[in-house]
Amino acid sequence: EGVVRASDRVAAPNPQWDGAHPDP
């Protein structure tokens, strides 16, 4: 169920991502 639901939610960029404090 988790796999199917995750596949339906297309990955998007994180607009708050900060290279000085990178989020893995």
mmCIF file of all heavy atoms, coordinates in Angstrom:
data_MODEL
# 
_entry.id   MODEL 
# 
loop_
_atom_site.group_PDB 
_atom_site.id 
_atom_site.type_symbol 
_atom_site.label_atom_id 
_atom_site.label_alt_id 
_atom_site.label_comp_id 
_atom_site.label_asym_id 
_atom_site.label_entity_id 
_atom_site.label_seq_id 
_atom_site.pdbx_PDB_ins_code 
_atom_site.Cartn_x 
_atom_site.Cartn_y 
_atom_site.Cartn_z 
_atom_site.occupancy 
_atom_site.B_iso_or_equiv 
_atom_site.pdbx_formal_charge 
_atom_site.auth_seq_id 
_atom_site.auth_comp_id 
_atom_site.auth_asym_id 
_atom_site.auth_atom_id 
_atom_site.pdbx_PDB_model_num 
ATOM 1   N N   . GLU A 1 1  ? 0.833  -1.209 0.000   1.00 0.00 ? 1  GLU A N   1 
ATOM 2   C CA  . GLU A 1 1  ? 0.000  0.000  0.000   1.00 0.00 ? 1  GLU A CA  1 
ATOM 3   C C   . GLU A 1 1  ? 0.865  1.255  0.000   1.00 0.00 ? 1  GLU A C   1 
ATOM 4   O O   . GLU A 1 1  ? 0.597  2.223  -0.734  1.00 0.00 ? 1  GLU A O   1 
ATOM 5   C CB  . GLU A 1 1  ? -0.911 -0.002 1.225   1.00 0.00 ? 1  GLU A CB  1 
ATOM 6   C CG  . GLU A 1 1  ? -1.854 1.180  1.319   1.00 0.00 ? 1  GLU A CG  1 
ATOM 7   C CD  . GLU A 1 1  ? -3.010 1.116  0.337   1.00 0.00 ? 1  GLU A CD  1 
ATOM 8   O OE1 . GLU A 1 1  ? -3.277 0.029  -0.197  1.00 0.00 ? 1  GLU A OE1 1 
ATOM 9   O OE2 . GLU A 1 1  ? -3.646 2.167  0.110   1.00 0.00 ? 1  GLU A OE2 1 
ATOM 10  N N   . GLY A 1 2  ? 1.922  1.247  0.794   1.00 0.00 ? 2  GLY A N   1 
ATOM 11  C CA  . GLY A 1 2  ? 2.818  2.397  0.833   1.00 0.00 ? 2  GLY A CA  1 
ATOM 12  C C   . GLY A 1 2  ? 3.543  2.629  -0.476  1.00 0.00 ? 2  GLY A C   1 
ATOM 13  O O   . GLY A 1 2  ? 3.718  3.772  -0.909  1.00 0.00 ? 2  GLY A O   1 
ATOM 14  N N   . VAL A 1 3  ? 3.969  1.549  -1.129  1.00 0.00 ? 3  VAL A N   1 
ATOM 15  C CA  . VAL A 1 3  ? 4.656  1.670  -2.417  1.00 0.00 ? 3  VAL A CA  1 
ATOM 16  C C   . VAL A 1 3  ? 3.735  2.290  -3.465  1.00 0.00 ? 3  VAL A C   1 
ATOM 17  O O   . VAL A 1 3  ? 4.123  3.219  -4.192  1.00 0.00 ? 3  VAL A O   1 
ATOM 18  C CB  . VAL A 1 3  ? 5.168  0.299  -2.892  1.00 0.00 ? 3  VAL A CB  1 
ATOM 19  C CG1 . VAL A 1 3  ? 5.642  0.375  -4.342  1.00 0.00 ? 3  VAL A CG1 1 
ATOM 20  C CG2 . VAL A 1 3  ? 6.300  -0.189 -2.002  1.00 0.00 ? 3  VAL A CG2 1 
ATOM 21  N N   . VAL A 1 4  ? 2.517  1.790  -3.555  1.00 0.00 ? 4  VAL A N   1 
ATOM 22  C CA  . VAL A 1 4  ? 1.577  2.298  -4.555  1.00 0.00 ? 4  VAL A CA  1 
ATOM 23  C C   . VAL A 1 4  ? 1.271  3.770  -4.303  1.00 0.00 ? 4  VAL A C   1 
ATOM 24  O O   . VAL A 1 4  ? 1.272  4.594  -5.229  1.00 0.00 ? 4  VAL A O   1 
ATOM 25  C CB  . VAL A 1 4  ? 0.292  1.449  -4.559  1.00 0.00 ? 4  VAL A CB  1 
ATOM 26  C CG1 . VAL A 1 4  ? -0.768 2.087  -5.458  1.00 0.00 ? 4  VAL A CG1 1 
ATOM 27  C CG2 . VAL A 1 4  ? 0.596  0.030  -5.024  1.00 0.00 ? 4  VAL A CG2 1 
ATOM 28  N N   . ARG A 1 5  ? 1.034  4.105  -3.056  1.00 0.00 ? 5  ARG A N   1 
ATOM 29  C CA  . ARG A 1 5  ? 0.712  5.494  -2.744  1.00 0.00 ? 5  ARG A CA  1 
ATOM 30  C C   . ARG A 1 5  ? 1.900  6.421  -3.006  1.00 0.00 ? 5  ARG A C   1 
ATOM 31  O O   . ARG A 1 5  ? 1.727  7.536  -3.504  1.00 0.00 ? 5  ARG A O   1 
ATOM 32  C CB  . ARG A 1 5  ? 0.262  5.617  -1.290  1.00 0.00 ? 5  ARG A CB  1 
ATOM 33  C CG  . ARG A 1 5  ? -1.077 4.955  -0.998  1.00 0.00 ? 5  ARG A CG  1 
ATOM 34  C CD  . ARG A 1 5  ? -1.632 5.475  0.296   1.00 0.00 ? 5  ARG A CD  1 
ATOM 35  N NE  . ARG A 1 5  ? -2.835 4.785  0.704   1.00 0.00 ? 5  ARG A NE  1 
ATOM 36  C CZ  . ARG A 1 5  ? -3.738 5.295  1.533   1.00 0.00 ? 5  ARG A CZ  1 
ATOM 37  N NH1 . ARG A 1 5  ? -3.551 6.516  2.032   1.00 0.00 ? 5  ARG A NH1 1 
ATOM 38  N NH2 . ARG A 1 5  ? -4.802 4.620  1.883   1.00 0.00 ? 5  ARG A NH2 1 
ATOM 39  N N   . ALA A 1 6  ? 3.105  5.963  -2.678  1.00 0.00 ? 6  ALA A N   1 
ATOM 40  C CA  . ALA A 1 6  ? 4.292  6.786  -2.929  1.00 0.00 ? 6  ALA A CA  1 
ATOM 41  C C   . ALA A 1 6  ? 4.524  6.976  -4.425  1.00 0.00 ? 6  ALA A C   1 
ATOM 42  O O   . ALA A 1 6  ? 4.930  8.049  -4.874  1.00 0.00 ? 6  ALA A O   1 
ATOM 43  C CB  . ALA A 1 6  ? 5.514  6.147  -2.281  1.00 0.00 ? 6  ALA A CB  1 
ATOM 44  N N   . SER A 1 7  ? 4.258  5.934  -5.209  1.00 0.00 ? 7  SER A N   1 
ATOM 45  C CA  . SER A 1 7  ? 4.412  6.051  -6.655  1.00 0.00 ? 7  SER A CA  1 
ATOM 46  C C   . SER A 1 7  ? 3.446  7.072  -7.240  1.00 0.00 ? 7  SER A C   1 
ATOM 47  O O   . SER A 1 7  ? 3.780  7.788  -8.193  1.00 0.00 ? 7  SER A O   1 
ATOM 48  C CB  . SER A 1 7  ? 4.189  4.687  -7.310  1.00 0.00 ? 7  SER A CB  1 
ATOM 49  O OG  . SER A 1 7  ? 4.275  4.778  -8.716  1.00 0.00 ? 7  SER A OG  1 
ATOM 50  N N   . ASP A 1 8  ? 2.253  7.145  -6.663  1.00 0.00 ? 8  ASP A N   1 
ATOM 51  C CA  . ASP A 1 8  ? 1.257  8.096  -7.162  1.00 0.00 ? 8  ASP A CA  1 
ATOM 52  C C   . ASP A 1 8  ? 1.591  9.535  -6.803  1.00 0.00 ? 8  ASP A C   1 
ATOM 53  O O   . ASP A 1 8  ? 1.033  10.465 -7.395  1.00 0.00 ? 8  ASP A O   1 
ATOM 54  C CB  . ASP A 1 8  ? -0.124 7.744  -6.594  1.00 0.00 ? 8  ASP A CB  1 
ATOM 55  C CG  . ASP A 1 8  ? -0.730 6.506  -7.239  1.00 0.00 ? 8  ASP A CG  1 
ATOM 56  O OD1 . ASP A 1 8  ? -0.260 6.131  -8.330  1.00 0.00 ? 8  ASP A OD1 1 
ATOM 57  O OD2 . ASP A 1 8  ? -1.649 5.914  -6.646  1.00 0.00 ? 8  ASP A OD2 1 
ATOM 58  N N   . ARG A 1 9  ? 2.487  9.727  -5.840  1.00 0.00 ? 9  ARG A N   1 
ATOM 59  C CA  . ARG A 1 9  ? 2.881  11.087 -5.454  1.00 0.00 ? 9  ARG A CA  1 
ATOM 60  C C   . ARG A 1 9  ? 4.254  11.374 -6.075  1.00 0.00 ? 9  ARG A C   1 
ATOM 61  O O   . ARG A 1 9  ? 5.290  11.000 -5.533  1.00 0.00 ? 9  ARG A O   1 
ATOM 62  C CB  . ARG A 1 9  ? 2.953  11.239 -3.944  1.00 0.00 ? 9  ARG A CB  1 
ATOM 63  C CG  . ARG A 1 9  ? 3.230  12.681 -3.512  1.00 0.00 ? 9  ARG A CG  1 
ATOM 64  C CD  . ARG A 1 9  ? 3.435  12.792 -2.018  1.00 0.00 ? 9  ARG A CD  1 
ATOM 65  N NE  . ARG A 1 9  ? 3.549  14.180 -1.593  1.00 0.00 ? 9  ARG A NE  1 
ATOM 66  C CZ  . ARG A 1 9  ? 4.651  14.917 -1.670  1.00 0.00 ? 9  ARG A CZ  1 
ATOM 67  N NH1 . ARG A 1 9  ? 5.763  14.374 -2.183  1.00 0.00 ? 9  ARG A NH1 1 
ATOM 68  N NH2 . ARG A 1 9  ? 4.658  16.171 -1.258  1.00 0.00 ? 9  ARG A NH2 1 
ATOM 69  N N   . VAL A 1 10 ? 4.274  12.014 -7.215  1.00 0.00 ? 10 VAL A N   1 
ATOM 70  C CA  . VAL A 1 10 ? 5.520  12.250 -7.941  1.00 0.00 ? 10 VAL A CA  1 
ATOM 71  C C   . VAL A 1 10 ? 6.432  13.160 -7.127  1.00 0.00 ? 10 VAL A C   1 
ATOM 72  O O   . VAL A 1 10 ? 6.005  14.224 -6.643  1.00 0.00 ? 10 VAL A O   1 
ATOM 73  C CB  . VAL A 1 10 ? 5.236  12.866 -9.325  1.00 0.00 ? 10 VAL A CB  1 
ATOM 74  C CG1 . VAL A 1 10 ? 6.543  13.176 -10.056 1.00 0.00 ? 10 VAL A CG1 1 
ATOM 75  C CG2 . VAL A 1 10 ? 4.359  11.935 -10.146 1.00 0.00 ? 10 VAL A CG2 1 
ATOM 76  N N   . ALA A 1 11 ? 7.668  12.736 -6.948  1.00 0.00 ? 11 ALA A N   1 
ATOM 77  C CA  . ALA A 1 11 ? 8.633  13.500 -6.154  1.00 0.00 ? 11 ALA A CA  1 
ATOM 78  C C   . ALA A 1 11 ? 8.818  14.903 -6.725  1.00 0.00 ? 11 ALA A C   1 
ATOM 79  O O   . ALA A 1 11 ? 8.885  15.090 -7.942  1.00 0.00 ? 11 ALA A O   1 
ATOM 80  C CB  . ALA A 1 11 ? 9.969  12.771 -6.116  1.00 0.00 ? 11 ALA A CB  1 
ATOM 81  N N   . ALA A 1 12 ? 8.925  15.875 -5.831  1.00 0.00 ? 12 ALA A N   1 
ATOM 82  C CA  . ALA A 1 12 ? 9.098  17.276 -6.227  1.00 0.00 ? 12 ALA A CA  1 
ATOM 83  C C   . ALA A 1 12 ? 10.273 17.869 -5.458  1.00 0.00 ? 12 ALA A C   1 
ATOM 84  O O   . ALA A 1 12 ? 10.641 17.384 -4.384  1.00 0.00 ? 12 ALA A O   1 
ATOM 85  C CB  . ALA A 1 12 ? 7.819  18.063 -5.933  1.00 0.00 ? 12 ALA A CB  1 
ATOM 86  N N   . PRO A 1 13 ? 10.867 18.936 -5.982  1.00 0.00 ? 13 PRO A N   1 
ATOM 87  C CA  . PRO A 1 13 ? 11.950 19.601 -5.252  1.00 0.00 ? 13 PRO A CA  1 
ATOM 88  C C   . PRO A 1 13 ? 11.454 20.175 -3.923  1.00 0.00 ? 13 PRO A C   1 
ATOM 89  O O   . PRO A 1 13 ? 10.278 20.521 -3.781  1.00 0.00 ? 13 PRO A O   1 
ATOM 90  C CB  . PRO A 1 13 ? 12.387 20.720 -6.205  1.00 0.00 ? 13 PRO A CB  1 
ATOM 91  C CG  . PRO A 1 13 ? 11.878 20.310 -7.549  1.00 0.00 ? 13 PRO A CG  1 
ATOM 92  C CD  . PRO A 1 13 ? 10.621 19.537 -7.299  1.00 0.00 ? 13 PRO A CD  1 
ATOM 93  N N   . ASN A 1 14 ? 12.367 20.281 -2.976  1.00 0.00 ? 14 ASN A N   1 
ATOM 94  C CA  . ASN A 1 14 ? 12.078 20.936 -1.708  1.00 0.00 ? 14 ASN A CA  1 
ATOM 95  C C   . ASN A 1 14 ? 12.518 22.397 -1.815  1.00 0.00 ? 14 ASN A C   1 
ATOM 96  O O   . ASN A 1 14 ? 13.716 22.674 -1.835  1.00 0.00 ? 14 ASN A O   1 
ATOM 97  C CB  . ASN A 1 14 ? 12.826 20.237 -0.574  1.00 0.00 ? 14 ASN A CB  1 
ATOM 98  C CG  . ASN A 1 14 ? 12.632 20.928 0.769   1.00 0.00 ? 14 ASN A CG  1 
ATOM 99  O OD1 . ASN A 1 14 ? 11.867 21.891 0.888   1.00 0.00 ? 14 ASN A OD1 1 
ATOM 100 N ND2 . ASN A 1 14 ? 13.336 20.460 1.783   1.00 0.00 ? 14 ASN A ND2 1 
ATOM 101 N N   . PRO A 1 15 ? 11.579 23.346 -1.890  1.00 0.00 ? 15 PRO A N   1 
ATOM 102 C CA  . PRO A 1 15 ? 11.962 24.752 -2.087  1.00 0.00 ? 15 PRO A CA  1 
ATOM 103 C C   . PRO A 1 15 ? 12.746 25.319 -0.909  1.00 0.00 ? 15 PRO A C   1 
ATOM 104 O O   . PRO A 1 15 ? 13.427 26.340 -1.064  1.00 0.00 ? 15 PRO A O   1 
ATOM 105 C CB  . PRO A 1 15 ? 10.614 25.467 -2.248  1.00 0.00 ? 15 PRO A CB  1 
ATOM 106 C CG  . PRO A 1 15 ? 9.607  24.555 -1.633  1.00 0.00 ? 15 PRO A CG  1 
ATOM 107 C CD  . PRO A 1 15 ? 10.130 23.173 -1.826  1.00 0.00 ? 15 PRO A CD  1 
ATOM 108 N N   . GLN A 1 16 ? 12.678 24.679 0.262   1.00 0.00 ? 16 GLN A N   1 
ATOM 109 C CA  . GLN A 1 16 ? 13.422 25.157 1.430   1.00 0.00 ? 16 GLN A CA  1 
ATOM 110 C C   . GLN A 1 16 ? 14.799 24.498 1.578   1.00 0.00 ? 16 GLN A C   1 
ATOM 111 O O   . GLN A 1 16 ? 15.522 24.789 2.541   1.00 0.00 ? 16 GLN A O   1 
ATOM 112 C CB  . GLN A 1 16 ? 12.614 24.886 2.712   1.00 0.00 ? 16 GLN A CB  1 
ATOM 113 C CG  . GLN A 1 16 ? 11.532 25.917 3.008   1.00 0.00 ? 16 GLN A CG  1 
ATOM 114 C CD  . GLN A 1 16 ? 10.291 25.700 2.173   1.00 0.00 ? 16 GLN A CD  1 
ATOM 115 O OE1 . GLN A 1 16 ? 9.795  24.579 2.083   1.00 0.00 ? 16 GLN A OE1 1 
ATOM 116 N NE2 . GLN A 1 16 ? 9.784  26.746 1.551   1.00 0.00 ? 16 GLN A NE2 1 
ATOM 117 N N   . TRP A 1 17 ? 15.158 23.646 0.619   1.00 0.00 ? 17 TRP A N   1 
ATOM 118 C CA  . TRP A 1 17 ? 16.439 22.949 0.755   1.00 0.00 ? 17 TRP A CA  1 
ATOM 119 C C   . TRP A 1 17 ? 17.590 23.944 0.754   1.00 0.00 ? 17 TRP A C   1 
ATOM 120 O O   . TRP A 1 17 ? 17.639 24.866 -0.079  1.00 0.00 ? 17 TRP A O   1 
ATOM 121 C CB  . TRP A 1 17 ? 16.610 21.945 -0.382  1.00 0.00 ? 17 TRP A CB  1 
ATOM 122 C CG  . TRP A 1 17 ? 17.684 20.931 -0.112  1.00 0.00 ? 17 TRP A CG  1 
ATOM 123 C CD1 . TRP A 1 17 ? 17.551 19.747 0.540   1.00 0.00 ? 17 TRP A CD1 1 
ATOM 124 C CD2 . TRP A 1 17 ? 19.058 21.018 -0.509  1.00 0.00 ? 17 TRP A CD2 1 
ATOM 125 N NE1 . TRP A 1 17 ? 18.739 19.086 0.589   1.00 0.00 ? 17 TRP A NE1 1 
ATOM 126 C CE2 . TRP A 1 17 ? 19.695 19.843 -0.043  1.00 0.00 ? 17 TRP A CE2 1 
ATOM 127 C CE3 . TRP A 1 17 ? 19.814 21.965 -1.197  1.00 0.00 ? 17 TRP A CE3 1 
ATOM 128 C CZ2 . TRP A 1 17 ? 21.041 19.592 -0.256  1.00 0.00 ? 17 TRP A CZ2 1 
ATOM 129 C CZ3 . TRP A 1 17 ? 21.158 21.718 -1.401  1.00 0.00 ? 17 TRP A CZ3 1 
ATOM 130 C CH2 . TRP A 1 17 ? 21.764 20.542 -0.939  1.00 0.00 ? 17 TRP A CH2 1 
ATOM 131 N N   . ASP A 1 18 ? 18.521 23.783 1.675   1.00 0.00 ? 18 ASP A N   1 
ATOM 132 C CA  . ASP A 1 18 ? 19.616 24.732 1.884   1.00 0.00 ? 18 ASP A CA  1 
ATOM 133 C C   . ASP A 1 18 ? 20.940 23.995 1.824   1.00 0.00 ? 18 ASP A C   1 
ATOM 134 O O   . ASP A 1 18 ? 21.206 23.116 2.650   1.00 0.00 ? 18 ASP A O   1 
ATOM 135 C CB  . ASP A 1 18 ? 19.425 25.403 3.249   1.00 0.00 ? 18 ASP A CB  1 
ATOM 136 C CG  . ASP A 1 18 ? 20.518 26.420 3.568   1.00 0.00 ? 18 ASP A CG  1 
ATOM 137 O OD1 . ASP A 1 18 ? 21.375 26.668 2.705   1.00 0.00 ? 18 ASP A OD1 1 
ATOM 138 O OD2 . ASP A 1 18 ? 20.500 26.951 4.693   1.00 0.00 ? 18 ASP A OD2 1 
ATOM 139 N N   . GLY A 1 19 ? 21.767 24.364 0.865   1.00 0.00 ? 19 GLY A N   1 
ATOM 140 C CA  . GLY A 1 19 ? 23.062 23.720 0.707   1.00 0.00 ? 19 GLY A CA  1 
ATOM 141 C C   . GLY A 1 19 ? 23.998 23.934 1.876   1.00 0.00 ? 19 GLY A C   1 
ATOM 142 O O   . GLY A 1 19 ? 24.927 23.149 2.092   1.00 0.00 ? 19 GLY A O   1 
ATOM 143 N N   . ALA A 1 20 ? 23.777 24.994 2.659   1.00 0.00 ? 20 ALA A N   1 
ATOM 144 C CA  . ALA A 1 20 ? 24.599 25.226 3.844   1.00 0.00 ? 20 ALA A CA  1 
ATOM 145 C C   . ALA A 1 20 ? 24.228 24.272 4.977   1.00 0.00 ? 20 ALA A C   1 
ATOM 146 O O   . ALA A 1 20 ? 25.042 24.003 5.865   1.00 0.00 ? 20 ALA A O   1 
ATOM 147 C CB  . ALA A 1 20 ? 24.449 26.673 4.312   1.00 0.00 ? 20 ALA A CB  1 
ATOM 148 N N   . HIS A 1 21 ? 22.983 23.795 4.952   1.00 0.00 ? 21 HIS A N   1 
ATOM 149 C CA  . HIS A 1 21 ? 22.511 22.824 5.939   1.00 0.00 ? 21 HIS A CA  1 
ATOM 150 C C   . HIS A 1 21 ? 21.708 21.747 5.193   1.00 0.00 ? 21 HIS A C   1 
ATOM 151 O O   . HIS A 1 21 ? 20.492 21.689 5.287   1.00 0.00 ? 21 HIS A O   1 
ATOM 152 C CB  . HIS A 1 21 ? 21.651 23.502 7.004   1.00 0.00 ? 21 HIS A CB  1 
ATOM 153 C CG  . HIS A 1 21 ? 22.350 24.610 7.722   1.00 0.00 ? 21 HIS A CG  1 
ATOM 154 N ND1 . HIS A 1 21 ? 22.292 25.923 7.303   1.00 0.00 ? 21 HIS A ND1 1 
ATOM 155 C CD2 . HIS A 1 21 ? 23.153 24.581 8.820   1.00 0.00 ? 21 HIS A CD2 1 
ATOM 156 C CE1 . HIS A 1 21 ? 23.007 26.674 8.115   1.00 0.00 ? 21 HIS A CE1 1 
ATOM 157 N NE2 . HIS A 1 21 ? 23.551 25.886 9.044   1.00 0.00 ? 21 HIS A NE2 1 
ATOM 158 N N   . PRO A 1 22 ? 22.406 20.927 4.406   1.00 0.00 ? 22 PRO A N   1 
ATOM 159 C CA  . PRO A 1 22 ? 21.714 20.019 3.487   1.00 0.00 ? 22 PRO A CA  1 
ATOM 160 C C   . PRO A 1 22 ? 20.884 18.959 4.204   1.00 0.00 ? 22 PRO A C   1 
ATOM 161 O O   . PRO A 1 22 ? 21.329 18.341 5.165   1.00 0.00 ? 22 PRO A O   1 
ATOM 162 C CB  . PRO A 1 22 ? 22.860 19.372 2.696   1.00 0.00 ? 22 PRO A CB  1 
ATOM 163 C CG  . PRO A 1 22 ? 24.065 19.537 3.565   1.00 0.00 ? 22 PRO A CG  1 
ATOM 164 C CD  . PRO A 1 22 ? 23.869 20.798 4.323   1.00 0.00 ? 22 PRO A CD  1 
ATOM 165 N N   . ASP A 1 23 ? 19.669 18.777 3.721   1.00 0.00 ? 23 ASP A N   1 
ATOM 166 C CA  . ASP A 1 23 ? 18.751 17.769 4.244   1.00 0.00 ? 23 ASP A CA  1 
ATOM 167 C C   . ASP A 1 23 ? 18.916 16.497 3.422   1.00 0.00 ? 23 ASP A C   1 
ATOM 168 O O   . ASP A 1 23 ? 18.614 16.496 2.222   1.00 0.00 ? 23 ASP A O   1 
ATOM 169 C CB  . ASP A 1 23 ? 17.312 18.289 4.144   1.00 0.00 ? 23 ASP A CB  1 
ATOM 170 C CG  . ASP A 1 23 ? 16.274 17.233 4.455   1.00 0.00 ? 23 ASP A CG  1 
ATOM 171 O OD1 . ASP A 1 23 ? 16.642 16.209 5.059   1.00 0.00 ? 23 ASP A OD1 1 
ATOM 172 O OD2 . ASP A 1 23 ? 15.101 17.443 4.098   1.00 0.00 ? 23 ASP A OD2 1 
ATOM 173 N N   . PRO A 1 24 ? 19.380 15.384 4.020   1.00 0.00 ? 24 PRO A N   1 
ATOM 174 C CA  . PRO A 1 24 ? 19.597 14.155 3.242   1.00 0.00 ? 24 PRO A CA  1 
ATOM 175 C C   . PRO A 1 24 ? 18.327 13.543 2.646   1.00 0.00 ? 24 PRO A C   1 
ATOM 176 O O   . PRO A 1 24 ? 18.409 12.784 1.683   1.00 0.00 ? 24 PRO A O   1 
ATOM 177 C CB  . PRO A 1 24 ? 20.211 13.192 4.272   1.00 0.00 ? 24 PRO A CB  1 
ATOM 178 C CG  . PRO A 1 24 ? 20.772 14.068 5.345   1.00 0.00 ? 24 PRO A CG  1 
ATOM 179 C CD  . PRO A 1 24 ? 19.841 15.241 5.418   1.00 0.00 ? 24 PRO A CD  1 
# 
